[in-house]
């Protein structure tokens, strides 16, 4: 199983997600109990399929119905992606000329930033994918 290391690896069994400190107590309880590791692993594998072009959080959410884990909202997908970005596994896709993050259409009249795996994230995603295919941890 992938281990959550000092270098920010992916552990599909990890629990505890981000929460708003000023939110209600039930939100804090839910955040502590959510199994974020399965979503991190799912997102890493999905981004692996779209490497190096990347996806928006809305695209990640739209594809989550096929995960068998339920559906991520675009907001929750963005939160899980940010957690991966904070670990150095995901980054924005940058325009070569302007060095600004590239955006792509999401919903009508809206855009979102494209996210892709970093080199470390790519390697982690390969490991997660190989372990899932081999049935490790299931």
C-alpha atoms as a PDB file:
ATOM      1  CA  UNK A   1       0.000   0.000   0.000  1.00  0.00           C
ATOM      2  CA  UNK A   2       1.244   3.502  -0.713  1.00  0.00           C
ATOM      3  CA  UNK A   3       2.464   5.140   2.439  1.00  0.00           C
ATOM      4  CA  UNK A   4       1.894   8.712   3.459  1.00  0.00           C
ATOM      5  CA  UNK A   5       5.520   9.748   3.871  1.00  0.00           C
ATOM      6  CA  UNK A   6       7.355  12.884   4.860  1.00  0.00           C
ATOM      7  CA  UNK A   7       7.441  13.601   1.133  1.00  0.00           C
ATOM      8  CA  UNK A   8       3.662  13.664   0.837  1.00  0.00           C
ATOM      9  CA  UNK A   9       2.796  10.233  -0.537  1.00  0.00           C
ATOM     10  CA  UNK A  10      -0.704   8.865  -0.945  1.00  0.00           C
ATOM     11  CA  UNK A  11      -2.171   6.476   1.613  1.00  0.00           C
ATOM     12  CA  UNK A  12      -5.603   5.282   0.397  1.00  0.00           C
ATOM     13  CA  UNK A  13      -6.533   4.539   4.043  1.00  0.00           C
ATOM     14  CA  UNK A  14      -5.862   8.088   5.269  1.00  0.00           C
ATOM     15  CA  UNK A  15      -8.716   9.829   7.069  1.00  0.00           C
ATOM     16  CA  UNK A  16      -9.216  13.470   8.001  1.00  0.00           C
ATOM     17  CA  UNK A  17      -9.906  16.256   5.567  1.00  0.00           C
ATOM     18  CA  UNK A  18      -9.770  20.015   5.491  1.00  0.00           C
ATOM     19  CA  UNK A  19     -12.376  21.983   7.411  1.00  0.00           C
ATOM     20  CA  UNK A  20     -13.276  25.565   8.207  1.00  0.00           C
ATOM     21  CA  UNK A  21     -12.214  26.370  11.766  1.00  0.00           C
ATOM     22  CA  UNK A  22     -15.226  28.649  12.193  1.00  0.00           C
ATOM     23  CA  UNK A  23     -17.620  25.970  10.938  1.00  0.00           C
ATOM     24  CA  UNK A  24     -20.103  24.022  13.051  1.00  0.00           C
ATOM     25  CA  UNK A  25     -18.943  21.100  15.214  1.00  0.00           C
ATOM     26  CA  UNK A  26     -20.633  18.525  12.948  1.00  0.00           C
ATOM     27  CA  UNK A  27     -18.503  19.784  10.034  1.00  0.00           C
ATOM     28  CA  UNK A  28     -15.358  19.257  12.088  1.00  0.00           C
ATOM     29  CA  UNK A  29     -16.504  15.734  13.016  1.00  0.00           C
ATOM     30  CA  UNK A  30     -17.259  14.918   9.390  1.00  0.00           C
ATOM     31  CA  UNK A  31     -13.878  16.287   8.264  1.00  0.00           C
ATOM     32  CA  UNK A  32     -12.069  14.130  10.825  1.00  0.00           C
ATOM     33  CA  UNK A  33     -13.839  10.990   9.654  1.00  0.00           C
ATOM     34  CA  UNK A  34     -13.786  11.388   5.871  1.00  0.00           C
ATOM     35  CA  UNK A  35     -11.570   8.864   4.128  1.00  0.00           C
ATOM     36  CA  UNK A  36      -9.631  11.399   2.045  1.00  0.00           C
ATOM     37  CA  UNK A  37      -7.011   8.859   1.034  1.00  0.00           C
ATOM     38  CA  UNK A  38      -9.383   7.071  -1.328  1.00  0.00           C
ATOM     39  CA  UNK A  39     -10.204  10.382  -3.015  1.00  0.00           C
ATOM     40  CA  UNK A  40      -6.520  11.342  -3.199  1.00  0.00           C
ATOM     41  CA  UNK A  41      -5.753   7.994  -4.834  1.00  0.00           C
ATOM     42  CA  UNK A  42      -8.704   8.362  -7.227  1.00  0.00           C
ATOM     43  CA  UNK A  43      -7.691  11.890  -8.261  1.00  0.00           C
ATOM     44  CA  UNK A  44      -4.045  10.896  -8.724  1.00  0.00           C
ATOM     45  CA  UNK A  45      -5.050   8.001 -10.982  1.00  0.00           C
ATOM     46  CA  UNK A  46      -7.477  10.185 -12.926  1.00  0.00           C
ATOM     47  CA  UNK A  47      -4.823  12.870 -13.458  1.00  0.00           C
ATOM     48  CA  UNK A  48      -2.441  10.112 -14.556  1.00  0.00           C
ATOM     49  CA  UNK A  49      -4.882   9.333 -17.376  1.00  0.00           C
ATOM     50  CA  UNK A  50      -4.822  12.984 -18.445  1.00  0.00           C
ATOM     51  CA  UNK A  51      -1.115  13.648 -17.996  1.00  0.00           C
ATOM     52  CA  UNK A  52       0.327  16.139 -18.877  1.00  0.00           C
ATOM     53  CA  UNK A  53      -2.726  18.061 -20.131  1.00  0.00           C
ATOM     54  CA  UNK A  54      -4.452  18.110 -16.730  1.00  0.00           C
ATOM     55  CA  UNK A  55      -8.036  18.584 -15.612  1.00  0.00           C
ATOM     56  CA  UNK A  56     -10.117  21.179 -13.819  1.00  0.00           C
ATOM     57  CA  UNK A  57     -11.710  20.366 -10.458  1.00  0.00           C
ATOM     58  CA  UNK A  58     -15.072  20.350 -12.249  1.00  0.00           C
ATOM     59  CA  UNK A  59     -13.820  17.656 -14.655  1.00  0.00           C
ATOM     60  CA  UNK A  60     -12.527  15.622 -11.713  1.00  0.00           C
ATOM     61  CA  UNK A  61     -15.943  15.925 -10.054  1.00  0.00           C
ATOM     62  CA  UNK A  62     -17.766  15.022 -13.271  1.00  0.00           C
ATOM     63  CA  UNK A  63     -15.675  11.854 -13.593  1.00  0.00           C
ATOM     64  CA  UNK A  64     -16.105  10.872  -9.944  1.00  0.00           C
ATOM     65  CA  UNK A  65     -19.443   9.151 -10.560  1.00  0.00           C
ATOM     66  CA  UNK A  66     -17.499   6.398 -12.322  1.00  0.00           C
ATOM     67  CA  UNK A  67     -15.321   5.883  -9.229  1.00  0.00           C
ATOM     68  CA  UNK A  68     -17.783   3.711  -7.337  1.00  0.00           C
ATOM     69  CA  UNK A  69     -17.225   5.930  -4.282  1.00  0.00           C
ATOM     70  CA  UNK A  70     -20.008   8.395  -4.919  1.00  0.00           C
ATOM     71  CA  UNK A  71     -19.739  11.857  -6.379  1.00  0.00           C
ATOM     72  CA  UNK A  72     -17.415  14.652  -5.478  1.00  0.00           C
ATOM     73  CA  UNK A  73     -18.759  18.153  -5.853  1.00  0.00           C
ATOM     74  CA  UNK A  74     -16.448  20.531  -7.729  1.00  0.00           C
ATOM     75  CA  UNK A  75     -15.771  22.294  -4.411  1.00  0.00           C
ATOM     76  CA  UNK A  76     -14.763  19.057  -2.656  1.00  0.00           C
ATOM     77  CA  UNK A  77     -12.703  18.011  -5.680  1.00  0.00           C
ATOM     78  CA  UNK A  78     -10.891  21.346  -5.462  1.00  0.00           C
ATOM     79  CA  UNK A  79     -10.258  20.778  -1.740  1.00  0.00           C
ATOM     80  CA  UNK A  80      -8.809  17.299  -2.337  1.00  0.00           C
ATOM     81  CA  UNK A  81      -6.684  18.656  -5.228  1.00  0.00           C
ATOM     82  CA  UNK A  82      -5.380  21.458  -2.980  1.00  0.00           C
ATOM     83  CA  UNK A  83      -4.386  18.858  -0.374  1.00  0.00           C
ATOM     84  CA  UNK A  84      -2.415  17.030  -3.077  1.00  0.00           C
ATOM     85  CA  UNK A  85      -0.911  20.322  -4.269  1.00  0.00           C
ATOM     86  CA  UNK A  86       0.153  21.139  -0.674  1.00  0.00           C
ATOM     87  CA  UNK A  87       2.018  17.795  -0.640  1.00  0.00           C
ATOM     88  CA  UNK A  88       3.804  18.606  -3.889  1.00  0.00           C
ATOM     89  CA  UNK A  89       1.961  15.912  -5.872  1.00  0.00           C
ATOM     90  CA  UNK A  90      -0.156  18.209  -8.048  1.00  0.00           C
ATOM     91  CA  UNK A  91       0.482  21.612  -9.573  1.00  0.00           C
ATOM     92  CA  UNK A  92      -1.232  23.940 -11.977  1.00  0.00           C
ATOM     93  CA  UNK A  93      -0.611  23.661 -15.699  1.00  0.00           C
ATOM     94  CA  UNK A  94       1.260  26.836 -16.618  1.00  0.00           C
ATOM     95  CA  UNK A  95       1.333  28.735 -19.898  1.00  0.00           C
ATOM     96  CA  UNK A  96       4.875  28.571 -21.294  1.00  0.00           C
ATOM     97  CA  UNK A  97       4.843  32.222 -22.349  1.00  0.00           C
ATOM     98  CA  UNK A  98       3.067  34.014 -19.509  1.00  0.00           C
ATOM     99  CA  UNK A  99       3.897  31.533 -16.718  1.00  0.00           C
ATOM    100  CA  UNK A 100       0.304  31.975 -15.505  1.00  0.00           C
ATOM    101  CA  UNK A 101      -1.961  29.020 -14.693  1.00  0.00           C
ATOM    102  CA  UNK A 102      -3.986  27.872 -17.697  1.00  0.00           C
ATOM    103  CA  UNK A 103      -7.758  27.877 -17.357  1.00  0.00           C
ATOM    104  CA  UNK A 104     -10.288  25.802 -19.266  1.00  0.00           C
ATOM    105  CA  UNK A 105     -14.088  26.065 -19.592  1.00  0.00           C
ATOM    106  CA  UNK A 106     -16.068  24.382 -16.819  1.00  0.00           C
ATOM    107  CA  UNK A 107     -19.717  25.383 -16.659  1.00  0.00           C
ATOM    108  CA  UNK A 108     -21.332  27.860 -19.023  1.00  0.00           C
ATOM    109  CA  UNK A 109     -19.496  31.168 -18.747  1.00  0.00           C
ATOM    110  CA  UNK A 110     -16.988  29.877 -16.183  1.00  0.00           C
ATOM    111  CA  UNK A 111     -13.452  28.579 -16.254  1.00  0.00           C
ATOM    112  CA  UNK A 112     -11.234  26.678 -13.847  1.00  0.00           C
ATOM    113  CA  UNK A 113      -7.521  26.154 -13.522  1.00  0.00           C
ATOM    114  CA  UNK A 114      -6.023  23.012 -14.971  1.00  0.00           C
ATOM    115  CA  UNK A 115      -4.236  20.712 -12.513  1.00  0.00           C
ATOM    116  CA  UNK A 116      -1.622  18.088 -13.366  1.00  0.00           C
ATOM    117  CA  UNK A 117       0.629  15.691 -11.535  1.00  0.00           C
ATOM    118  CA  UNK A 118       4.133  16.776 -10.626  1.00  0.00           C
ATOM    119  CA  UNK A 119       6.977  14.314 -11.264  1.00  0.00           C
ATOM    120  CA  UNK A 120       6.601  13.058  -7.688  1.00  0.00           C
ATOM    121  CA  UNK A 121       2.828  12.903  -8.114  1.00  0.00           C
ATOM    122  CA  UNK A 122       3.195  10.971 -11.357  1.00  0.00           C
ATOM    123  CA  UNK A 123       5.345   8.376  -9.608  1.00  0.00           C
ATOM    124  CA  UNK A 124       2.899   8.155  -6.687  1.00  0.00           C
ATOM    125  CA  UNK A 125      -0.028   7.779  -9.094  1.00  0.00           C
ATOM    126  CA  UNK A 126       1.775   4.937 -10.885  1.00  0.00           C
ATOM    127  CA  UNK A 127       2.328   3.227  -7.536  1.00  0.00           C
ATOM    128  CA  UNK A 128      -1.308   3.680  -6.483  1.00  0.00           C
ATOM    129  CA  UNK A 129      -2.481   2.384  -9.860  1.00  0.00           C
ATOM    130  CA  UNK A 130      -0.217  -0.668  -9.732  1.00  0.00           C
ATOM    131  CA  UNK A 131      -1.337  -1.503  -6.196  1.00  0.00           C
ATOM    132  CA  UNK A 132      -5.012  -1.128  -7.116  1.00  0.00           C
ATOM    133  CA  UNK A 133      -4.592  -3.377 -10.155  1.00  0.00           C
ATOM    134  CA  UNK A 134      -2.757  -5.945  -8.023  1.00  0.00           C
ATOM    135  CA  UNK A 135      -5.560  -5.793  -5.446  1.00  0.00           C
ATOM    136  CA  UNK A 136      -3.293  -4.653  -2.598  1.00  0.00           C
ATOM    137  CA  UNK A 137      -5.251  -3.248   0.324  1.00  0.00           C
ATOM    138  CA  UNK A 138      -8.658  -4.296  -0.997  1.00  0.00           C
END
